Amino acid sequence: MDRIDKEKEANANIRQLLSERLAQADIISLEVESVNNEHPWMEFAGMYANNPLFDEVLADIAAYRDEIDAEEAIQ
């Protein structure tokens, strides 16, 4: 059994165990109030607004996603 077969078997086992657990679980929603009432990511908003490389990085990310999507479409 090669590595890929072992990974597939492990994923199938995890999926089976998770399905069994979720079949018996109650899923609830829980709202927790923030201590400071600020969104935790607000301090990062706009931090790259004046970075000349930001658009280039976004283009690289989009190109990589397109590459991954194309590979998955072949499989």
PDB file of N, CA and C in Angstrom:
ATOM      1  N   MET A   1       0.857  -1.176   0.000  1.00  0.00           N
ATOM      2  CA  MET A   1       0.000   0.000   0.000  1.00  0.00           C
ATOM      3  C   MET A   1       0.901   1.237   0.000  1.00  0.00           C
ATOM      4  N   ASP A   2       0.762   2.088  -1.001  1.00  0.00           N
ATOM      5  CA  ASP A   2       1.603   3.275  -1.082  1.00  0.00           C
ATOM      6  C   ASP A   2       1.021   4.419  -0.254  1.00  0.00           C
ATOM      7  N   ARG A   3       1.745   5.515  -0.219  1.00  0.00           N
ATOM      8  CA  ARG A   3       1.381   6.661   0.607  1.00  0.00           C
ATOM      9  C   ARG A   3       0.010   7.214   0.241  1.00  0.00           C
ATOM     10  N   ILE A   4      -0.270   7.316  -1.042  1.00  0.00           N
ATOM     11  CA  ILE A   4      -1.552   7.877  -1.482  1.00  0.00           C
ATOM     12  C   ILE A   4      -2.710   6.995  -1.050  1.00  0.00           C
ATOM     13  N   ASP A   5      -2.545   5.679  -1.166  1.00  0.00           N
ATOM     14  CA  ASP A   5      -3.591   4.758  -0.716  1.00  0.00           C
ATOM     15  C   ASP A   5      -3.813   4.874   0.788  1.00  0.00           C
ATOM     16  N   LYS A   6      -2.714   5.025   1.533  1.00  0.00           N
ATOM     17  CA  LYS A   6      -2.832   5.176   2.984  1.00  0.00           C
ATOM     18  C   LYS A   6      -3.574   6.466   3.337  1.00  0.00           C
ATOM     19  N   GLU A   7      -3.264   7.549   2.604  1.00  0.00           N
ATOM     20  CA  GLU A   7      -3.954   8.817   2.857  1.00  0.00           C
ATOM     21  C   GLU A   7      -5.440   8.693   2.546  1.00  0.00           C
ATOM     22  N   LYS A   8      -5.766   8.048   1.433  1.00  0.00           N
ATOM     23  CA  LYS A   8      -7.176   7.871   1.069  1.00  0.00           C
ATOM     24  C   LYS A   8      -7.905   7.047   2.119  1.00  0.00           C
ATOM     25  N   GLU A   9      -7.260   5.998   2.598  1.00  0.00           N
ATOM     26  CA  GLU A   9      -7.872   5.154   3.627  1.00  0.00           C
ATOM     27  C   GLU A   9      -8.054   5.941   4.927  1.00  0.00           C
ATOM     28  N   ALA A  10      -7.031   6.723   5.303  1.00  0.00           N
ATOM     29  CA  ALA A  10      -7.122   7.527   6.522  1.00  0.00           C
ATOM     30  C   ALA A  10      -8.243   8.548   6.398  1.00  0.00           C
ATOM     31  N   ASN A  11      -8.349   9.205   5.240  1.00  0.00           N
ATOM     32  CA  ASN A  11      -9.424  10.178   5.025  1.00  0.00           C
ATOM     33  C   ASN A  11     -10.793   9.517   5.094  1.00  0.00           C
ATOM     34  N   ALA A  12     -10.912   8.333   4.522  1.00  0.00           N
ATOM     35  CA  ALA A  12     -12.187   7.618   4.563  1.00  0.00           C
ATOM     36  C   ALA A  12     -12.545   7.253   5.998  1.00  0.00           C
ATOM     37  N   ASN A  13     -11.558   6.829   6.774  1.00  0.00           N
ATOM     38  CA  ASN A  13     -11.794   6.476   8.178  1.00  0.00           C
ATOM     39  C   ASN A  13     -12.213   7.698   8.995  1.00  0.00           C
ATOM     40  N   ILE A  14     -11.537   8.810   8.766  1.00  0.00           N
ATOM     41  CA  ILE A  14     -11.886  10.038   9.485  1.00  0.00           C
ATOM     42  C   ILE A  14     -13.291  10.487   9.102  1.00  0.00           C
ATOM     43  N   ARG A  15     -13.603  10.441   7.812  1.00  0.00           N
ATOM     44  CA  ARG A  15     -14.929  10.840   7.344  1.00  0.00           C
ATOM     45  C   ARG A  15     -16.004   9.961   7.996  1.00  0.00           C
ATOM     46  N   GLN A  16     -15.755   8.668   8.083  1.00  0.00           N
ATOM     47  CA  GLN A  16     -16.706   7.732   8.691  1.00  0.00           C
ATOM     48  C   GLN A  16     -16.916   8.056  10.169  1.00  0.00           C
ATOM     49  N   LEU A  17     -15.805   8.255  10.904  1.00  0.00           N
ATOM     50  CA  LEU A  17     -15.912   8.575  12.334  1.00  0.00           C
ATOM     51  C   LEU A  17     -16.622   9.900  12.555  1.00  0.00           C
ATOM     52  N   LEU A  18     -16.302  10.887  11.741  1.00  0.00           N
ATOM     53  CA  LEU A  18     -16.941  12.182  11.871  1.00  0.00           C
ATOM     54  C   LEU A  18     -18.437  12.097  11.575  1.00  0.00           C
ATOM     55  N   SER A  19     -18.790  11.350  10.547  1.00  0.00           N
ATOM     56  CA  SER A  19     -20.208  11.181  10.207  1.00  0.00           C
ATOM     57  C   SER A  19     -20.967  10.507  11.348  1.00  0.00           C
ATOM     58  N   GLU A  20     -20.354   9.504  11.947  1.00  0.00           N
ATOM     59  CA  GLU A  20     -20.997   8.809  13.067  1.00  0.00           C
ATOM     60  C   GLU A  20     -21.193   9.751  14.256  1.00  0.00           C
ATOM     61  N   ARG A  21     -20.174  10.552  14.552  1.00  0.00           N
ATOM     62  CA  ARG A  21     -20.279  11.485  15.682  1.00  0.00           C
ATOM     63  C   ARG A  21     -21.317  12.565  15.405  1.00  0.00           C
ATOM     64  N   LEU A  22     -21.292  13.110  14.187  1.00  0.00           N
ATOM     65  CA  LEU A  22     -22.228  14.188  13.869  1.00  0.00           C
ATOM     66  C   LEU A  22     -23.665  13.692  13.821  1.00  0.00           C
ATOM     67  N   ALA A  23     -23.857  12.425  13.511  1.00  0.00           N
ATOM     68  CA  ALA A  23     -25.210  11.869  13.486  1.00  0.00           C
ATOM     69  C   ALA A  23     -25.838  11.895  14.874  1.00  0.00           C
ATOM     70  N   GLN A  24     -25.010  11.881  15.913  1.00  0.00           N
ATOM     71  CA  GLN A  24     -25.498  11.875  17.289  1.00  0.00           C
ATOM     72  C   GLN A  24     -25.379  13.246  17.959  1.00  0.00           C
ATOM     73  N   ALA A  25     -24.853  14.225  17.238  1.00  0.00           N
ATOM     74  CA  ALA A  25     -24.564  15.528  17.850  1.00  0.00           C
ATOM     75  C   ALA A  25     -25.701  16.509  17.655  1.00  0.00           C
ATOM     76  N   ASP A  26     -25.781  17.438  18.567  1.00  0.00           N
ATOM     77  CA  ASP A  26     -26.661  18.589  18.431  1.00  0.00           C
ATOM     78  C   ASP A  26     -25.765  19.778  18.108  1.00  0.00           C
ATOM     79  N   ILE A  27     -26.053  20.443  17.025  1.00  0.00           N
ATOM     80  CA  ILE A  27     -25.272  21.607  16.646  1.00  0.00           C
ATOM     81  C   ILE A  27     -26.030  22.845  17.106  1.00  0.00           C
ATOM     82  N   ILE A  28     -25.322  23.684  17.847  1.00  0.00           N
ATOM     83  CA  ILE A  28     -25.948  24.878  18.392  1.00  0.00           C
ATOM     84  C   ILE A  28     -25.169  26.112  17.950  1.00  0.00           C
ATOM     85  N   SER A  29     -25.802  27.248  18.060  1.00  0.00           N
ATOM     86  CA  SER A  29     -25.161  28.520  17.784  1.00  0.00           C
ATOM     87  C   SER A  29     -24.911  29.200  19.115  1.00  0.00           C
ATOM     88  N   LEU A  30     -23.739  29.770  19.256  1.00  0.00           N
ATOM     89  CA  LEU A  30     -23.390  30.436  20.506  1.00  0.00           C
ATOM     90  C   LEU A  30     -22.833  31.806  20.176  1.00  0.00           C
ATOM     91  N   GLU A  31     -23.445  32.841  20.724  1.00  0.00           N
ATOM     92  CA  GLU A  31     -22.972  34.198  20.495  1.00  0.00           C
ATOM     93  C   GLU A  31     -22.205  34.657  21.718  1.00  0.00           C
ATOM     94  N   VAL A  32     -20.980  35.112  21.483  1.00  0.00           N
ATOM     95  CA  VAL A  32     -20.126  35.575  22.569  1.00  0.00           C
ATOM     96  C   VAL A  32     -19.790  37.034  22.303  1.00  0.00           C
ATOM     97  N   GLU A  33     -19.980  37.874  23.296  1.00  0.00           N
ATOM     98  CA  GLU A  33     -19.698  39.290  23.122  1.00  0.00           C
ATOM     99  C   GLU A  33     -18.204  39.546  23.288  1.00  0.00           C
ATOM    100  N   SER A  34     -17.698  40.411  22.430  1.00  0.00           N
ATOM    101  CA  SER A  34     -16.300  40.799  22.487  1.00  0.00           C
ATOM    102  C   SER A  34     -16.073  41.712  23.683  1.00  0.00           C
ATOM    103  N   VAL A  35     -14.924  41.599  24.282  1.00  0.00           N
ATOM    104  CA  VAL A  35     -14.591  42.425  25.436  1.00  0.00           C
ATOM    105  C   VAL A  35     -14.499  43.894  25.030  1.00  0.00           C
ATOM    106  N   ASN A  36     -13.908  44.169  23.855  1.00  0.00           N
ATOM    107  CA  ASN A  36     -13.714  45.554  23.449  1.00  0.00           C
ATOM    108  C   ASN A  36     -14.660  45.983  22.321  1.00  0.00           C
ATOM    109  N   ASN A  37     -15.564  45.096  21.903  1.00  0.00           N
ATOM    110  CA  ASN A  37     -16.553  45.369  20.864  1.00  0.00           C
ATOM    111  C   ASN A  37     -15.954  45.796  19.528  1.00  0.00           C
ATOM    112  N   GLU A  38     -14.703  45.498  19.278  1.00  0.00           N
ATOM    113  CA  GLU A  38     -14.078  45.763  17.984  1.00  0.00           C
ATOM    114  C   GLU A  38     -13.932  44.453  17.232  1.00  0.00           C
ATOM    115  N   HIS A  39     -14.019  44.559  15.918  1.00  0.00           N
ATOM    116  CA  HIS A  39     -13.757  43.369  15.117  1.00  0.00           C
ATOM    117  C   HIS A  39     -12.279  43.041  15.263  1.00  0.00           C
ATOM    118  N   PRO A  40     -11.930  41.786  15.515  1.00  0.00           N
ATOM    119  CA  PRO A  40     -10.540  41.438  15.808  1.00  0.00           C
ATOM    120  C   PRO A  40      -9.566  41.698  14.651  1.00  0.00           C
ATOM    121  N   TRP A  41     -10.057  41.854  13.441  1.00  0.00           N
ATOM    122  CA  TRP A  41      -9.153  42.081  12.300  1.00  0.00           C
ATOM    123  C   TRP A  41      -9.074  43.543  11.897  1.00  0.00           C
ATOM    124  N   MET A  42      -9.823  44.426  12.553  1.00  0.00           N
ATOM    125  CA  MET A  42      -9.854  45.831  12.157  1.00  0.00           C
ATOM    126  C   MET A  42      -8.470  46.484  12.205  1.00  0.00           C
ATOM    127  N   GLU A  43      -7.631  46.062  13.102  1.00  0.00           N
ATOM    128  CA  GLU A  43      -6.305  46.664  13.185  1.00  0.00           C
ATOM    129  C   GLU A  43      -5.470  46.388  11.930  1.00  0.00           C
ATOM    130  N   PHE A  44      -5.865  45.372  11.158  1.00  0.00           N
ATOM    131  CA  PHE A  44      -5.134  45.036   9.946  1.00  0.00           C
ATOM    132  C   PHE A  44      -5.750  45.646   8.688  1.00  0.00           C
ATOM    133  N   ALA A  45      -6.935  46.233   8.798  1.00  0.00           N
ATOM    134  CA  ALA A  45      -7.623  46.795   7.637  1.00  0.00           C
ATOM    135  C   ALA A  45      -6.790  47.928   7.036  1.00  0.00           C
ATOM    136  N   GLY A  46      -6.536  47.821   5.740  1.00  0.00           N
ATOM    137  CA  GLY A  46      -5.810  48.863   5.022  1.00  0.00           C
ATOM    138  C   GLY A  46      -4.321  48.897   5.253  1.00  0.00           C
ATOM    139  N   MET A  47      -3.767  47.908   5.921  1.00  0.00           N
ATOM    140  CA  MET A  47      -2.342  47.964   6.245  1.00  0.00           C
ATOM    141  C   MET A  47      -1.443  47.904   5.004  1.00  0.00           C
ATOM    142  N   TYR A  48      -1.979  47.428   3.882  1.00  0.00           N
ATOM    143  CA  TYR A  48      -1.173  47.377   2.656  1.00  0.00           C
ATOM    144  C   TYR A  48      -1.658  48.390   1.620  1.00  0.00           C
ATOM    145  N   ALA A  49      -2.457  49.337   2.020  1.00  0.00           N
ATOM    146  CA  ALA A  49      -3.055  50.296   1.085  1.00  0.00           C
ATOM    147  C   ALA A  49      -2.009  51.053   0.274  1.00  0.00           C
ATOM    148  N   ASN A  50      -0.894  51.390   0.852  1.00  0.00           N
ATOM    149  CA  ASN A  50       0.135  52.174   0.162  1.00  0.00           C
ATOM    150  C   ASN A  50       1.331  51.336  -0.269  1.00  0.00           C
ATOM    151  N   ASN A  51       1.203  50.023  -0.211  1.00  0.00           N
ATOM    152  CA  ASN A  51       2.301  49.146  -0.608  1.00  0.00           C
ATOM    153  C   ASN A  51       2.240  48.932  -2.111  1.00  0.00           C
ATOM    154  N   PRO A  52       3.287  49.304  -2.847  1.00  0.00           N
ATOM    155  CA  PRO A  52       3.269  49.169  -4.303  1.00  0.00           C
ATOM    156  C   PRO A  52       3.259  47.721  -4.782  1.00  0.00           C
ATOM    157  N   LEU A  53       3.584  46.786  -3.924  1.00  0.00           N
ATOM    158  CA  LEU A  53       3.625  45.378  -4.309  1.00  0.00           C
ATOM    159  C   LEU A  53       2.297  44.660  -4.082  1.00  0.00           C
ATOM    160  N   PHE A  54       1.344  45.325  -3.434  1.00  0.00           N
ATOM    161  CA  PHE A  54       0.096  44.675  -3.053  1.00  0.00           C
ATOM    162  C   PHE A  54      -0.661  44.124  -4.255  1.00  0.00           C
ATOM    163  N   ASP A  55      -0.836  44.928  -5.305  1.00  0.00           N
ATOM    164  CA  ASP A  55      -1.559  44.468  -6.489  1.00  0.00           C
ATOM    165  C   ASP A  55      -0.840  43.299  -7.159  1.00  0.00           C
ATOM    166  N   GLU A  56       0.489  43.340  -7.139  1.00  0.00           N
ATOM    167  CA  GLU A  56       1.272  42.249  -7.734  1.00  0.00           C
ATOM    168  C   GLU A  56       1.072  40.952  -6.952  1.00  0.00           C
ATOM    169  N   VAL A  57       1.049  41.057  -5.642  1.00  0.00           N
ATOM    170  CA  VAL A  57       0.828  39.873  -4.803  1.00  0.00           C
ATOM    171  C   VAL A  57      -0.569  39.304  -5.058  1.00  0.00           C
ATOM    172  N   LEU A  58      -1.577  40.166  -5.148  1.00  0.00           N
ATOM    173  CA  LEU A  58      -2.935  39.693  -5.436  1.00  0.00           C
ATOM    174  C   LEU A  58      -2.998  38.989  -6.791  1.00  0.00           C
ATOM    175  N   ALA A  59      -2.294  39.520  -7.786  1.00  0.00           N
ATOM    176  CA  ALA A  59      -2.259  38.891  -9.106  1.00  0.00           C
ATOM    177  C   ALA A  59      -1.593  37.529  -9.036  1.00  0.00           C
ATOM    178  N   ASP A  60      -0.521  37.412  -8.267  1.00  0.00           N
ATOM    179  CA  ASP A  60       0.153  36.117  -8.097  1.00  0.00           C
ATOM    180  C   ASP A  60      -0.762  35.107  -7.417  1.00  0.00           C
ATOM    181  N   ILE A  61      -1.502  35.550  -6.414  1.00  0.00           N
ATOM    182  CA  ILE A  61      -2.444  34.666  -5.716  1.00  0.00           C
ATOM    183  C   ILE A  61      -3.522  34.190  -6.681  1.00  0.00           C
ATOM    184  N   ALA A  62      -4.063  35.097  -7.488  1.00  0.00           N
ATOM    185  CA  ALA A  62      -5.105  34.733  -8.451  1.00  0.00           C
ATOM    186  C   ALA A  62      -4.562  33.761  -9.493  1.00  0.00           C
ATOM    187  N   ALA A  63      -3.336  33.982  -9.951  1.00  0.00           N
ATOM    188  CA  ALA A  63      -2.732  33.079 -10.937  1.00  0.00           C
ATOM    189  C   ALA A  63      -2.538  31.690 -10.335  1.00  0.00           C
ATOM    190  N   TYR A  64      -2.111  31.630  -9.080  1.00  0.00           N
ATOM    191  CA  TYR A  64      -1.919  30.339  -8.426  1.00  0.00           C
ATOM    192  C   TYR A  64      -3.251  29.609  -8.261  1.00  0.00           C
ATOM    193  N   ARG A  65      -4.299  30.347  -7.876  1.00  0.00           N
ATOM    194  CA  ARG A  65      -5.629  29.721  -7.750  1.00  0.00           C
ATOM    195  C   ARG A  65      -6.090  29.172  -9.095  1.00  0.00           C
ATOM    196  N   ASP A  66      -5.869  29.948 -10.161  1.00  0.00           N
ATOM    197  CA  ASP A  66      -6.244  29.479 -11.493  1.00  0.00           C
ATOM    198  C   ASP A  66      -5.487  28.205 -11.863  1.00  0.00           C
ATOM    199  N   GLU A  67      -4.214  28.152 -11.508  1.00  0.00           N
ATOM    200  CA  GLU A  67      -3.390  26.967 -11.780  1.00  0.00           C
ATOM    201  C   GLU A  67      -3.931  25.751 -11.031  1.00  0.00           C
ATOM    202  N   ILE A  68      -4.245  25.926  -9.759  1.00  0.00           N
ATOM    203  CA  ILE A  68      -4.785  24.830  -8.945  1.00  0.00           C
ATOM    204  C   ILE A  68      -6.138  24.387  -9.492  1.00  0.00           C
ATOM    205  N   ASP A  69      -7.004  25.340  -9.838  1.00  0.00           N
ATOM    206  CA  ASP A  69      -8.315  25.002 -10.395  1.00  0.00           C
ATOM    207  C   ASP A  69      -8.168  24.219 -11.698  1.00  0.00           C
ATOM    208  N   ALA A  70      -7.203  24.603 -12.539  1.00  0.00           N
ATOM    209  CA  ALA A  70      -6.986  23.900 -13.804  1.00  0.00           C
ATOM    210  C   ALA A  70      -6.511  22.471 -13.561  1.00  0.00           C
ATOM    211  N   GLU A  71      -5.636  22.294 -12.567  1.00  0.00           N
ATOM    212  CA  GLU A  71      -5.157  20.950 -12.230  1.00  0.00           C
ATOM    213  C   GLU A  71      -6.289  20.082 -11.715  1.00  0.00           C
ATOM    214  N   GLU A  72      -7.151  20.649 -10.878  1.00  0.00           N
ATOM    215  CA  GLU A  72      -8.269  19.886 -10.327  1.00  0.00           C
ATOM    216  C   GLU A  72      -9.288  19.539 -11.407  1.00  0.00           C
ATOM    217  N   ALA A  73      -9.440  20.413 -12.401  1.00  0.00           N
ATOM    218  CA  ALA A  73     -10.384  20.154 -13.485  1.00  0.00           C
ATOM    219  C   ALA A  73      -9.919  18.986 -14.334  1.00  0.00           C
ATOM    220  N   ILE A  74      -8.620  18.799 -14.429  1.00  0.00           N
ATOM    221  CA  ILE A  74      -8.055  17.676 -15.212  1.00  0.00           C
ATOM    222  C   ILE A  74      -8.317  16.360 -14.492  1.00  0.00           C
ATOM    223  N   GLN A  75      -8.262  16.365 -13.183  1.00  0.00           N
ATOM    224  CA  GLN A  75      -8.425  15.134 -12.391  1.00  0.00           C
ATOM    225  C   GLN A  75      -9.844  14.797 -12.366  1.00  0.00           C
TER     226      GLN A  75
END
